[in-house]
N, C-alpha and C. Protein backbone atom coordinates (compact mmCIF):
# COMPACT_ATOMS: atom_id res chain seq x y z
N UNK A 1 2.80 5.66 -15.03
CA UNK A 1 1.92 4.64 -14.62
C UNK A 1 0.99 5.24 -13.53
N UNK A 2 -0.33 5.26 -13.84
CA UNK A 2 -1.30 5.86 -12.89
C UNK A 2 -2.60 4.97 -12.96
N UNK A 3 -2.96 4.51 -11.76
CA UNK A 3 -4.18 3.56 -11.65
C UNK A 3 -5.32 4.41 -11.02
N UNK A 4 -5.15 5.70 -10.82
CA UNK A 4 -6.18 6.57 -10.36
C UNK A 4 -6.72 6.26 -8.97
N UNK A 5 -5.85 5.67 -8.11
CA UNK A 5 -6.25 5.44 -6.74
C UNK A 5 -5.60 6.46 -5.86
N UNK A 6 -6.21 6.63 -4.66
CA UNK A 6 -5.67 7.54 -3.73
C UNK A 6 -4.82 6.81 -2.64
N UNK A 7 -4.98 5.46 -2.57
CA UNK A 7 -4.19 4.75 -1.61
C UNK A 7 -3.95 3.31 -2.14
N UNK A 8 -2.76 2.79 -1.86
CA UNK A 8 -2.35 1.44 -2.19
C UNK A 8 -2.38 0.63 -0.90
N UNK A 9 -3.11 -0.50 -0.79
CA UNK A 9 -3.33 -1.19 0.44
C UNK A 9 -2.93 -2.66 0.26
N UNK A 10 -2.22 -3.28 1.28
CA UNK A 10 -1.94 -4.66 1.25
C UNK A 10 -1.98 -5.22 2.71
N UNK A 11 -2.14 -6.56 2.82
CA UNK A 11 -2.32 -7.14 4.11
C UNK A 11 -0.99 -7.66 4.63
N UNK A 12 0.09 -7.62 3.93
CA UNK A 12 1.42 -8.20 4.41
C UNK A 12 2.33 -7.04 4.76
N UNK A 13 2.61 -6.84 6.01
CA UNK A 13 3.52 -5.72 6.34
C UNK A 13 4.94 -6.06 6.06
N UNK A 14 5.27 -7.24 5.69
CA UNK A 14 6.67 -7.70 5.34
C UNK A 14 7.10 -6.99 4.07
N UNK A 15 6.24 -6.55 3.11
CA UNK A 15 6.55 -6.02 1.90
C UNK A 15 6.96 -4.54 1.99
N UNK A 16 6.62 -3.87 3.19
CA UNK A 16 6.92 -2.51 3.41
C UNK A 16 8.34 -2.33 4.01
N UNK A 17 9.16 -1.48 3.43
CA UNK A 17 10.41 -1.17 3.97
C UNK A 17 10.77 0.25 3.68
N UNK A 18 10.95 1.19 4.64
CA UNK A 18 10.75 0.88 6.06
C UNK A 18 9.28 0.86 6.41
N UNK A 19 8.94 0.28 7.57
CA UNK A 19 7.56 0.15 8.03
C UNK A 19 7.35 1.05 9.25
N UNK A 20 6.27 1.79 9.27
CA UNK A 20 5.92 2.61 10.45
C UNK A 20 4.60 2.16 10.94
N UNK A 21 4.50 1.69 12.13
CA UNK A 21 3.24 1.26 12.62
C UNK A 21 2.49 2.41 13.26
N UNK A 22 1.23 2.50 13.06
CA UNK A 22 0.35 3.44 13.63
C UNK A 22 0.01 3.05 15.13
N UNK A 23 -0.14 4.02 15.91
CA UNK A 23 -0.73 3.72 17.26
C UNK A 23 -2.26 3.42 17.12
N UNK A 24 -2.93 2.94 18.01
CA UNK A 24 -4.35 2.68 17.93
C UNK A 24 -5.15 4.01 17.78
N UNK A 25 -4.52 5.10 18.05
CA UNK A 25 -5.21 6.36 18.01
C UNK A 25 -5.09 7.06 16.67
N UNK A 26 -4.01 6.77 15.87
CA UNK A 26 -3.68 7.50 14.67
C UNK A 26 -3.73 6.71 13.44
N UNK A 27 -4.40 5.51 13.47
CA UNK A 27 -4.61 4.71 12.32
C UNK A 27 -5.34 5.43 11.23
N UNK A 28 -5.07 5.28 10.06
CA UNK A 28 -5.68 5.97 8.96
C UNK A 28 -7.00 5.25 8.50
N UNK A 29 -8.06 5.96 8.41
CA UNK A 29 -9.32 5.34 7.98
C UNK A 29 -9.23 4.96 6.46
N UNK A 30 -9.70 3.85 6.08
CA UNK A 30 -9.73 3.38 4.80
C UNK A 30 -11.16 3.41 4.31
N UNK A 31 -11.46 4.09 3.13
CA UNK A 31 -12.85 4.19 2.66
C UNK A 31 -12.90 3.38 1.26
N UNK A 32 -14.09 2.77 0.93
CA UNK A 32 -14.21 2.20 -0.32
C UNK A 32 -14.70 3.28 -1.40
N UNK A 33 -15.10 2.83 -2.59
CA UNK A 33 -15.37 3.77 -3.63
C UNK A 33 -16.68 4.57 -3.35
N UNK A 34 -17.55 4.05 -2.40
CA UNK A 34 -18.70 4.90 -1.99
C UNK A 34 -18.52 5.64 -0.87
N UNK A 35 -17.22 5.90 -0.46
CA UNK A 35 -16.74 6.62 0.72
C UNK A 35 -17.29 6.09 2.06
N UNK A 36 -17.58 4.72 2.04
CA UNK A 36 -18.00 4.03 3.28
C UNK A 36 -16.72 3.63 3.97
N UNK A 37 -16.66 3.76 5.31
CA UNK A 37 -15.49 3.38 6.04
C UNK A 37 -15.37 1.87 5.97
N UNK A 38 -14.19 1.38 5.61
CA UNK A 38 -13.95 0.00 5.32
C UNK A 38 -12.94 -0.58 6.38
N UNK A 39 -12.44 0.24 7.25
CA UNK A 39 -11.43 -0.22 8.29
C UNK A 39 -10.40 0.87 8.50
N UNK A 40 -9.35 0.37 9.24
CA UNK A 40 -8.21 1.26 9.50
C UNK A 40 -6.95 0.58 9.13
N UNK A 41 -6.02 1.44 8.54
CA UNK A 41 -4.64 0.90 8.30
C UNK A 41 -3.88 0.78 9.69
N UNK A 42 -3.04 -0.26 9.72
CA UNK A 42 -2.28 -0.51 10.94
C UNK A 42 -0.86 0.06 10.86
N UNK A 43 -0.45 0.54 9.56
CA UNK A 43 0.84 1.18 9.39
C UNK A 43 0.96 1.45 7.98
N UNK A 44 2.16 1.93 7.64
CA UNK A 44 2.46 2.21 6.26
C UNK A 44 3.99 2.15 6.08
N UNK A 45 4.34 2.08 4.74
CA UNK A 45 5.69 2.00 4.33
C UNK A 45 5.91 2.10 2.85
N UNK A 46 7.11 2.04 2.39
CA UNK A 46 7.37 2.01 0.98
C UNK A 46 7.54 0.59 0.48
N UNK A 47 7.02 0.37 -0.72
CA UNK A 47 7.15 -0.95 -1.40
C UNK A 47 7.88 -0.79 -2.68
N UNK A 48 8.88 -1.72 -2.88
CA UNK A 48 9.62 -1.72 -4.11
C UNK A 48 9.07 -2.79 -5.01
N UNK A 49 8.66 -2.36 -6.31
CA UNK A 49 8.14 -3.29 -7.29
C UNK A 49 9.17 -3.57 -8.38
N UNK A 50 9.31 -4.75 -8.76
CA UNK A 50 10.27 -5.04 -9.91
C UNK A 50 9.38 -5.36 -11.14
N UNK A 51 9.60 -4.60 -12.16
CA UNK A 51 8.79 -4.66 -13.41
C UNK A 51 9.61 -5.32 -14.51
N UNK A 52 8.91 -6.20 -15.27
CA UNK A 52 9.51 -6.74 -16.50
C UNK A 52 8.90 -5.99 -17.65
N UNK A 53 9.71 -5.22 -18.45
CA UNK A 53 9.32 -4.46 -19.50
C UNK A 53 9.48 -5.21 -20.80
N UNK A 54 8.87 -4.63 -21.85
CA UNK A 54 8.94 -5.24 -23.20
C UNK A 54 10.46 -5.31 -23.64
N UNK A 55 10.85 -6.30 -24.31
CA UNK A 55 12.19 -6.43 -24.68
C UNK A 55 13.05 -7.05 -23.66
N UNK A 56 12.49 -7.54 -22.51
CA UNK A 56 13.27 -8.06 -21.44
C UNK A 56 13.89 -7.19 -20.49
N UNK A 57 13.67 -5.85 -20.63
CA UNK A 57 14.28 -4.88 -19.78
C UNK A 57 13.52 -4.98 -18.38
N UNK A 58 14.29 -4.66 -17.32
CA UNK A 58 13.75 -4.74 -15.97
C UNK A 58 13.96 -3.34 -15.32
N UNK A 59 12.89 -2.98 -14.49
CA UNK A 59 12.87 -1.68 -13.95
C UNK A 59 12.32 -1.72 -12.50
N UNK A 60 12.81 -0.97 -11.61
CA UNK A 60 12.36 -0.92 -10.20
C UNK A 60 11.58 0.36 -9.94
N UNK A 61 10.41 0.19 -9.32
CA UNK A 61 9.59 1.42 -8.97
C UNK A 61 9.26 1.30 -7.42
N UNK A 62 9.31 2.45 -6.79
CA UNK A 62 8.96 2.47 -5.44
C UNK A 62 7.60 3.16 -5.20
N UNK A 63 6.73 2.51 -4.58
CA UNK A 63 5.40 3.10 -4.26
C UNK A 63 5.58 3.51 -2.76
N UNK A 64 5.35 4.84 -2.54
CA UNK A 64 5.58 5.45 -1.23
C UNK A 64 4.18 5.41 -0.43
N UNK A 65 4.31 5.33 0.93
CA UNK A 65 3.18 5.30 1.81
C UNK A 65 2.12 4.29 1.44
N UNK A 66 2.56 3.09 1.11
CA UNK A 66 1.63 1.94 1.00
C UNK A 66 1.06 1.59 2.31
N UNK A 67 -0.22 1.43 2.41
CA UNK A 67 -0.96 1.19 3.70
C UNK A 67 -0.95 -0.31 3.91
N UNK A 68 -0.75 -0.74 5.26
CA UNK A 68 -0.90 -2.02 5.74
C UNK A 68 -2.26 -2.18 6.47
N UNK A 69 -3.10 -3.07 5.92
CA UNK A 69 -4.43 -3.33 6.59
C UNK A 69 -4.61 -4.75 6.71
N UNK A 70 -4.70 -5.25 7.95
CA UNK A 70 -4.87 -6.71 8.17
C UNK A 70 -6.04 -7.22 7.32
N UNK A 71 -5.71 -8.35 6.57
CA UNK A 71 -6.73 -9.08 5.83
C UNK A 71 -6.92 -8.49 4.37
N UNK A 72 -6.28 -7.38 4.11
CA UNK A 72 -6.35 -6.78 2.69
C UNK A 72 -5.47 -7.60 1.72
N UNK A 73 -5.91 -7.68 0.55
CA UNK A 73 -5.01 -8.31 -0.42
C UNK A 73 -5.17 -7.63 -1.81
N UNK A 74 -4.15 -7.80 -2.65
CA UNK A 74 -4.22 -7.24 -4.04
C UNK A 74 -3.97 -8.36 -4.95
């Protein structure tokens, strides 16, 4: 599964486990498709996704280093 993105971003820090908060000095810059600065991430963590596959099978996937940016949504 590849969506060709360099970063996965969400506004809810509760979905990240474990969660590592950035200090105000080391927040990661977030850029849009035109490489314009769109803000800073407040922290990062891993997110566990539960997938429903054809035939009723279920599978878990972990997305590593998911960025938390206030106000972002997917």
